[in-house]
Structure formats: structure tokens, C-alpha cells
Amino acid sequence: MPGTKRSNIKIGINVGIVMKDDQHSGYITYGIVQQILTKSPSHPHGIKVRLDTKEVGRVKEIVR
């Protein structure tokens, strides 16, 4: 499931995000979605979310 479609992202799921400061290195931070910040149905770089640890970034992977 790609992290570029808003319909794939639900509050409470585990995801891997890339935060703004980590875009160059591609470092992925894992956590649980607390809030979905992107309003459009899709975004080419990933849906922006806030994790339960208050970190904000774009979803790169959905952890099963």
C-alpha cells in the first residue's frame, strides 16, 4: 500500500515517515499516526502526518 494515497492512511496505524530535516538522507522514523495533515486525496511525495511522538513527516511506508 503506497503512502501517497490518503485513503490508505488511518489514525492508529504504524508508518515510516521522512521528516523535513531527514529528506536529504532519507532517514525513516517509525511511529503511530495521531493526525493526518494532508487534505488532498493524494500527494506524490507522501501524505503528511503527525505521529503520536509529535513528529511530522511524509509517509514513505506502511508497516504491517
PDB file of N, CA and C in Angstrom:
ATOM      1  N   MET A   1       0.839  -1.183   0.000  1.00  0.00           N
ATOM      2  CA  MET A   1       0.000   0.000   0.000  1.00  0.00           C
ATOM      3  C   MET A   1       0.889   1.253   0.000  1.00  0.00           C
ATOM      4  N   PRO A   2       0.736   2.080  -0.992  1.00  0.00           N
ATOM      5  CA  PRO A   2       1.587   3.277  -1.023  1.00  0.00           C
ATOM      6  C   PRO A   2       1.133   4.340  -0.022  1.00  0.00           C
ATOM      7  N   GLY A   3       2.106   5.087   0.490  1.00  0.00           N
ATOM      8  CA  GLY A   3       1.813   6.173   1.419  1.00  0.00           C
ATOM      9  C   GLY A   3       1.434   7.462   0.709  1.00  0.00           C
ATOM     10  N   THR A   4       1.221   7.366  -0.621  1.00  0.00           N
ATOM     11  CA  THR A   4       0.879   8.562  -1.392  1.00  0.00           C
ATOM     12  C   THR A   4      -0.627   8.770  -1.510  1.00  0.00           C
ATOM     13  N   LYS A   5      -1.424   7.792  -1.073  1.00  0.00           N
ATOM     14  CA  LYS A   5      -2.885   7.903  -1.133  1.00  0.00           C
ATOM     15  C   LYS A   5      -3.438   8.074   0.282  1.00  0.00           C
ATOM     16  N   ARG A   6      -4.233   9.117   0.477  1.00  0.00           N
ATOM     17  CA  ARG A   6      -4.793   9.417   1.796  1.00  0.00           C
ATOM     18  C   ARG A   6      -5.707   8.301   2.299  1.00  0.00           C
ATOM     19  N   SER A   7      -6.384   7.629   1.376  1.00  0.00           N
ATOM     20  CA  SER A   7      -7.318   6.564   1.765  1.00  0.00           C
ATOM     21  C   SER A   7      -6.605   5.371   2.411  1.00  0.00           C
ATOM     22  N   ASN A   8      -5.297   5.232   2.190  1.00  0.00           N
ATOM     23  CA  ASN A   8      -4.530   4.135   2.796  1.00  0.00           C
ATOM     24  C   ASN A   8      -4.072   4.440   4.213  1.00  0.00           C
ATOM     25  N   ILE A   9      -4.142   5.707   4.609  1.00  0.00           N
ATOM     26  CA  ILE A   9      -3.633   6.135   5.910  1.00  0.00           C
ATOM     27  C   ILE A   9      -4.794   6.290   6.890  1.00  0.00           C
ATOM     28  N   LYS A  10      -4.687   5.635   8.019  1.00  0.00           N
ATOM     29  CA  LYS A  10      -5.708   5.716   9.068  1.00  0.00           C
ATOM     30  C   LYS A  10      -5.032   6.075  10.389  1.00  0.00           C
ATOM     31  N   ILE A  11      -5.746   6.780  11.243  1.00  0.00           N
ATOM     32  CA  ILE A  11      -5.230   7.112  12.567  1.00  0.00           C
ATOM     33  C   ILE A  11      -5.040   5.812  13.349  1.00  0.00           C
ATOM     34  N   GLY A  12      -3.879   5.674  13.977  1.00  0.00           N
ATOM     35  CA  GLY A  12      -3.589   4.498  14.790  1.00  0.00           C
ATOM     36  C   GLY A  12      -2.751   3.438  14.101  1.00  0.00           C
ATOM     37  N   ILE A  13      -2.456   3.594  12.795  1.00  0.00           N
ATOM     38  CA  ILE A  13      -1.632   2.587  12.122  1.00  0.00           C
ATOM     39  C   ILE A  13      -0.148   2.934  12.261  1.00  0.00           C
ATOM     40  N   ASN A  14       0.699   1.915  12.135  1.00  0.00           N
ATOM     41  CA  ASN A  14       2.149   2.104  12.175  1.00  0.00           C
ATOM     42  C   ASN A  14       2.654   2.482  10.795  1.00  0.00           C
ATOM     43  N   VAL A  15       3.465   3.535  10.739  1.00  0.00           N
ATOM     44  CA  VAL A  15       4.015   4.000   9.470  1.00  0.00           C
ATOM     45  C   VAL A  15       5.483   4.381   9.637  1.00  0.00           C
ATOM     46  N   GLY A  16       6.155   4.502   8.517  1.00  0.00           N
ATOM     47  CA  GLY A  16       7.501   5.055   8.461  1.00  0.00           C
ATOM     48  C   GLY A  16       7.431   6.375   7.727  1.00  0.00           C
ATOM     49  N   ILE A  17       7.939   7.439   8.348  1.00  0.00           N
ATOM     50  CA  ILE A  17       7.889   8.762   7.729  1.00  0.00           C
ATOM     51  C   ILE A  17       9.301   9.308   7.531  1.00  0.00           C
ATOM     52  N   VAL A  18       9.413  10.252   6.605  1.00  0.00           N
ATOM     53  CA  VAL A  18      10.640  11.020   6.454  1.00  0.00           C
ATOM     54  C   VAL A  18      10.313  12.449   6.861  1.00  0.00           C
ATOM     55  N   MET A  19      10.992  12.933   7.902  1.00  0.00           N
ATOM     56  CA  MET A  19      10.779  14.300   8.368  1.00  0.00           C
ATOM     57  C   MET A  19      11.536  15.278   7.462  1.00  0.00           C
ATOM     58  N   LYS A  20      11.169  16.549   7.517  1.00  0.00           N
ATOM     59  CA  LYS A  20      11.752  17.585   6.659  1.00  0.00           C
ATOM     60  C   LYS A  20      13.282  17.597   6.750  1.00  0.00           C
ATOM     61  N   ASP A  21      13.821  17.536   7.959  1.00  0.00           N
ATOM     62  CA  ASP A  21      15.277  17.588   8.149  1.00  0.00           C
ATOM     63  C   ASP A  21      15.982  16.343   7.621  1.00  0.00           C
ATOM     64  N   ASP A  22      15.255  15.239   7.464  1.00  0.00           N
ATOM     65  CA  ASP A  22      15.846  13.977   7.027  1.00  0.00           C
ATOM     66  C   ASP A  22      15.626  13.689   5.543  1.00  0.00           C
ATOM     67  N   GLN A  23      15.042  14.636   4.803  1.00  0.00           N
ATOM     68  CA  GLN A  23      14.743  14.387   3.395  1.00  0.00           C
ATOM     69  C   GLN A  23      15.993  14.083   2.590  1.00  0.00           C
ATOM     70  N   HIS A  24      17.088  14.769   2.890  1.00  0.00           N
ATOM     71  CA  HIS A  24      18.317  14.573   2.123  1.00  0.00           C
ATOM     72  C   HIS A  24      18.916  13.187   2.371  1.00  0.00           C
ATOM     73  N   SER A  25      18.896  12.740   3.622  1.00  0.00           N
ATOM     74  CA  SER A  25      19.478  11.443   3.963  1.00  0.00           C
ATOM     75  C   SER A  25      18.496  10.293   3.730  1.00  0.00           C
ATOM     76  N   GLY A  26      17.180  10.599   3.759  1.00  0.00           N
ATOM     77  CA  GLY A  26      16.173   9.559   3.583  1.00  0.00           C
ATOM     78  C   GLY A  26      15.927   8.739   4.837  1.00  0.00           C
ATOM     79  N   TYR A  27      16.410   9.221   5.990  1.00  0.00           N
ATOM     80  CA  TYR A  27      16.228   8.501   7.255  1.00  0.00           C
ATOM     81  C   TYR A  27      14.742   8.375   7.576  1.00  0.00           C
ATOM     82  N   ILE A  28      14.315   7.161   7.903  1.00  0.00           N
ATOM     83  CA  ILE A  28      12.896   6.889   8.176  1.00  0.00           C
ATOM     84  C   ILE A  28      12.673   6.778   9.681  1.00  0.00           C
ATOM     85  N   THR A  29      11.670   7.495  10.166  1.00  0.00           N
ATOM     86  CA  THR A  29      11.251   7.456  11.562  1.00  0.00           C
ATOM     87  C   THR A  29       9.940   6.685  11.631  1.00  0.00           C
ATOM     88  N   TYR A  30       9.853   5.741  12.548  1.00  0.00           N
ATOM     89  CA  TYR A  30       8.650   4.911  12.665  1.00  0.00           C
ATOM     90  C   TYR A  30       7.806   5.342  13.849  1.00  0.00           C
ATOM     91  N   GLY A  31       6.494   5.209  13.689  1.00  0.00           N
ATOM     92  CA  GLY A  31       5.591   5.556  14.770  1.00  0.00           C
ATOM     93  C   GLY A  31       4.144   5.329  14.394  1.00  0.00           C
ATOM     94  N   ILE A  32       3.257   5.760  15.263  1.00  0.00           N
ATOM     95  CA  ILE A  32       1.814   5.573  15.090  1.00  0.00           C
ATOM     96  C   ILE A  32       1.183   6.906  14.713  1.00  0.00           C
ATOM     97  N   VAL A  33       0.332   6.885  13.687  1.00  0.00           N
ATOM     98  CA  VAL A  33      -0.307   8.097  13.190  1.00  0.00           C
ATOM     99  C   VAL A  33      -1.289   8.634  14.228  1.00  0.00           C
ATOM    100  N   GLN A  34      -1.100   9.902  14.594  1.00  0.00           N
ATOM    101  CA  GLN A  34      -2.010  10.574  15.511  1.00  0.00           C
ATOM    102  C   GLN A  34      -2.964  11.490  14.740  1.00  0.00           C
ATOM    103  N   GLN A  35      -2.461  12.117  13.655  1.00  0.00           N
ATOM    104  CA  GLN A  35      -3.261  13.069  12.893  1.00  0.00           C
ATOM    105  C   GLN A  35      -2.793  13.059  11.441  1.00  0.00           C
ATOM    106  N   ILE A  36      -3.743  13.139  10.512  1.00  0.00           N
ATOM    107  CA  ILE A  36      -3.443  13.249   9.087  1.00  0.00           C
ATOM    108  C   ILE A  36      -3.512  14.725   8.722  1.00  0.00           C
ATOM    109  N   LEU A  37      -2.408  15.262   8.192  1.00  0.00           N
ATOM    110  CA  LEU A  37      -2.328  16.696   7.929  1.00  0.00           C
ATOM    111  C   LEU A  37      -2.642  17.067   6.477  1.00  0.00           C
ATOM    112  N   THR A  38      -2.389  16.169   5.535  1.00  0.00           N
ATOM    113  CA  THR A  38      -2.674  16.439   4.127  1.00  0.00           C
ATOM    114  C   THR A  38      -4.166  16.316   3.877  1.00  0.00           C
ATOM    115  N   LYS A  39      -4.752  17.322   3.251  1.00  0.00           N
ATOM    116  CA  LYS A  39      -6.196  17.322   2.984  1.00  0.00           C
ATOM    117  C   LYS A  39      -6.544  16.697   1.625  1.00  0.00           C
ATOM    118  N   SER A  40      -5.625  16.756   0.662  1.00  0.00           N
ATOM    119  CA  SER A  40      -5.921  16.231  -0.682  1.00  0.00           C
ATOM    120  C   SER A  40      -5.905  14.698  -0.672  1.00  0.00           C
ATOM    121  N   PRO A  41      -6.577  14.061  -1.636  1.00  0.00           N
ATOM    122  CA  PRO A  41      -6.664  12.591  -1.657  1.00  0.00           C
ATOM    123  C   PRO A  41      -5.339  11.894  -1.936  1.00  0.00           C
ATOM    124  N   SER A  42      -4.377  12.603  -2.535  1.00  0.00           N
ATOM    125  CA  SER A  42      -3.065  12.004  -2.776  1.00  0.00           C
ATOM    126  C   SER A  42      -2.001  13.093  -2.837  1.00  0.00           C
ATOM    127  N   HIS A  43      -0.746  12.667  -2.653  1.00  0.00           N
ATOM    128  CA  HIS A  43       0.389  13.583  -2.769  1.00  0.00           C
ATOM    129  C   HIS A  43       1.569  12.763  -3.282  1.00  0.00           C
ATOM    130  N   PRO A  44       2.276  13.247  -4.305  1.00  0.00           N
ATOM    131  CA  PRO A  44       3.346  12.448  -4.916  1.00  0.00           C
ATOM    132  C   PRO A  44       4.515  12.123  -3.980  1.00  0.00           C
ATOM    133  N   HIS A  45       4.736  12.929  -2.946  1.00  0.00           N
ATOM    134  CA  HIS A  45       5.849  12.686  -2.025  1.00  0.00           C
ATOM    135  C   HIS A  45       5.409  11.992  -0.742  1.00  0.00           C
ATOM    136  N   GLY A  46       4.135  11.686  -0.614  1.00  0.00           N
ATOM    137  CA  GLY A  46       3.611  11.025   0.579  1.00  0.00           C
ATOM    138  C   GLY A  46       2.676  11.935   1.358  1.00  0.00           C
ATOM    139  N   ILE A  47       1.740  11.321   2.036  1.00  0.00           N
ATOM    140  CA  ILE A  47       0.768  12.043   2.852  1.00  0.00           C
ATOM    141  C   ILE A  47       1.464  12.533   4.125  1.00  0.00           C
ATOM    142  N   LYS A  48       1.264  13.793   4.465  1.00  0.00           N
ATOM    143  CA  LYS A  48       1.893  14.354   5.667  1.00  0.00           C
ATOM    144  C   LYS A  48       1.056  13.996   6.887  1.00  0.00           C
ATOM    145  N   VAL A  49       1.732  13.466   7.915  1.00  0.00           N
ATOM    146  CA  VAL A  49       1.063  13.048   9.145  1.00  0.00           C
ATOM    147  C   VAL A  49       1.845  13.525  10.364  1.00  0.00           C
ATOM    148  N   ARG A  50       1.164  13.529  11.507  1.00  0.00           N
ATOM    149  CA  ARG A  50       1.806  13.765  12.808  1.00  0.00           C
ATOM    150  C   ARG A  50       1.741  12.444  13.565  1.00  0.00           C
ATOM    151  N   LEU A  51       2.887  12.013  14.076  1.00  0.00           N
ATOM    152  CA  LEU A  51       2.939  10.784  14.860  1.00  0.00           C
ATOM    153  C   LEU A  51       2.545  11.053  16.309  1.00  0.00           C
ATOM    154  N   ASP A  52       2.338   9.988  17.068  1.00  0.00           N
ATOM    155  CA  ASP A  52       1.990  10.145  18.484  1.00  0.00           C
ATOM    156  C   ASP A  52       3.139  10.748  19.292  1.00  0.00           C
ATOM    157  N   THR A  53       4.341  10.764  18.720  1.00  0.00           N
ATOM    158  CA  THR A  53       5.507  11.385  19.365  1.00  0.00           C
ATOM    159  C   THR A  53       5.657  12.841  18.940  1.00  0.00           C
ATOM    160  N   LYS A  54       4.642  13.384  18.241  1.00  0.00           N
ATOM    161  CA  LYS A  54       4.561  14.775  17.768  1.00  0.00           C
ATOM    162  C   LYS A  54       5.467  15.077  16.576  1.00  0.00           C
ATOM    163  N   GLU A  55       6.147  14.071  16.017  1.00  0.00           N
ATOM    164  CA  GLU A  55       6.988  14.288  14.848  1.00  0.00           C
ATOM    165  C   GLU A  55       6.109  14.353  13.601  1.00  0.00           C
ATOM    166  N   VAL A  56       6.474  15.238  12.667  1.00  0.00           N
ATOM    167  CA  VAL A  56       5.696  15.450  11.452  1.00  0.00           C
ATOM    168  C   VAL A  56       6.552  15.084  10.245  1.00  0.00           C
ATOM    169  N   GLY A  57       5.960  14.352   9.308  1.00  0.00           N
ATOM    170  CA  GLY A  57       6.674  13.999   8.088  1.00  0.00           C
ATOM    171  C   GLY A  57       5.739  13.354   7.087  1.00  0.00           C
ATOM    172  N   ARG A  58       6.310  12.966   5.952  1.00  0.00           N
ATOM    173  CA  ARG A  58       5.538  12.339   4.889  1.00  0.00           C
ATOM    174  C   ARG A  58       5.700  10.824   4.933  1.00  0.00           C
ATOM    175  N   VAL A  59       4.590  10.118   4.770  1.00  0.00           N
ATOM    176  CA  VAL A  59       4.577   8.657   4.860  1.00  0.00           C
ATOM    177  C   VAL A  59       5.326   8.055   3.677  1.00  0.00           C
ATOM    178  N   LYS A  60       6.329   7.230   3.983  1.00  0.00           N
ATOM    179  CA  LYS A  60       7.081   6.513   2.959  1.00  0.00           C
ATOM    180  C   LYS A  60       6.725   5.039   2.935  1.00  0.00           C
ATOM    181  N   GLU A  61       6.299   4.513   4.082  1.00  0.00           N
ATOM    182  CA  GLU A  61       5.889   3.113   4.116  1.00  0.00           C
ATOM    183  C   GLU A  61       4.864   2.891   5.212  1.00  0.00           C
ATOM    184  N   ILE A  62       4.004   1.911   4.963  1.00  0.00           N
ATOM    185  CA  ILE A  62       3.019   1.499   5.945  1.00  0.00           C
ATOM    186  C   ILE A  62       3.477   0.165   6.517  1.00  0.00           C
ATOM    187  N   VAL A  63       3.659   0.122   7.825  1.00  0.00           N
ATOM    188  CA  VAL A  63       4.184  -1.071   8.487  1.00  0.00           C
ATOM    189  C   VAL A  63       3.048  -2.007   8.823  1.00  0.00           C
ATOM    190  N   ARG A  64       3.179  -3.250   8.473  1.00  0.00           N
ATOM    191  CA  ARG A  64       2.138  -4.259   8.744  1.00  0.00           C
ATOM    192  C   ARG A  64       2.393  -4.926  10.057  1.00  0.00           C
TER     193      ARG A  64
END
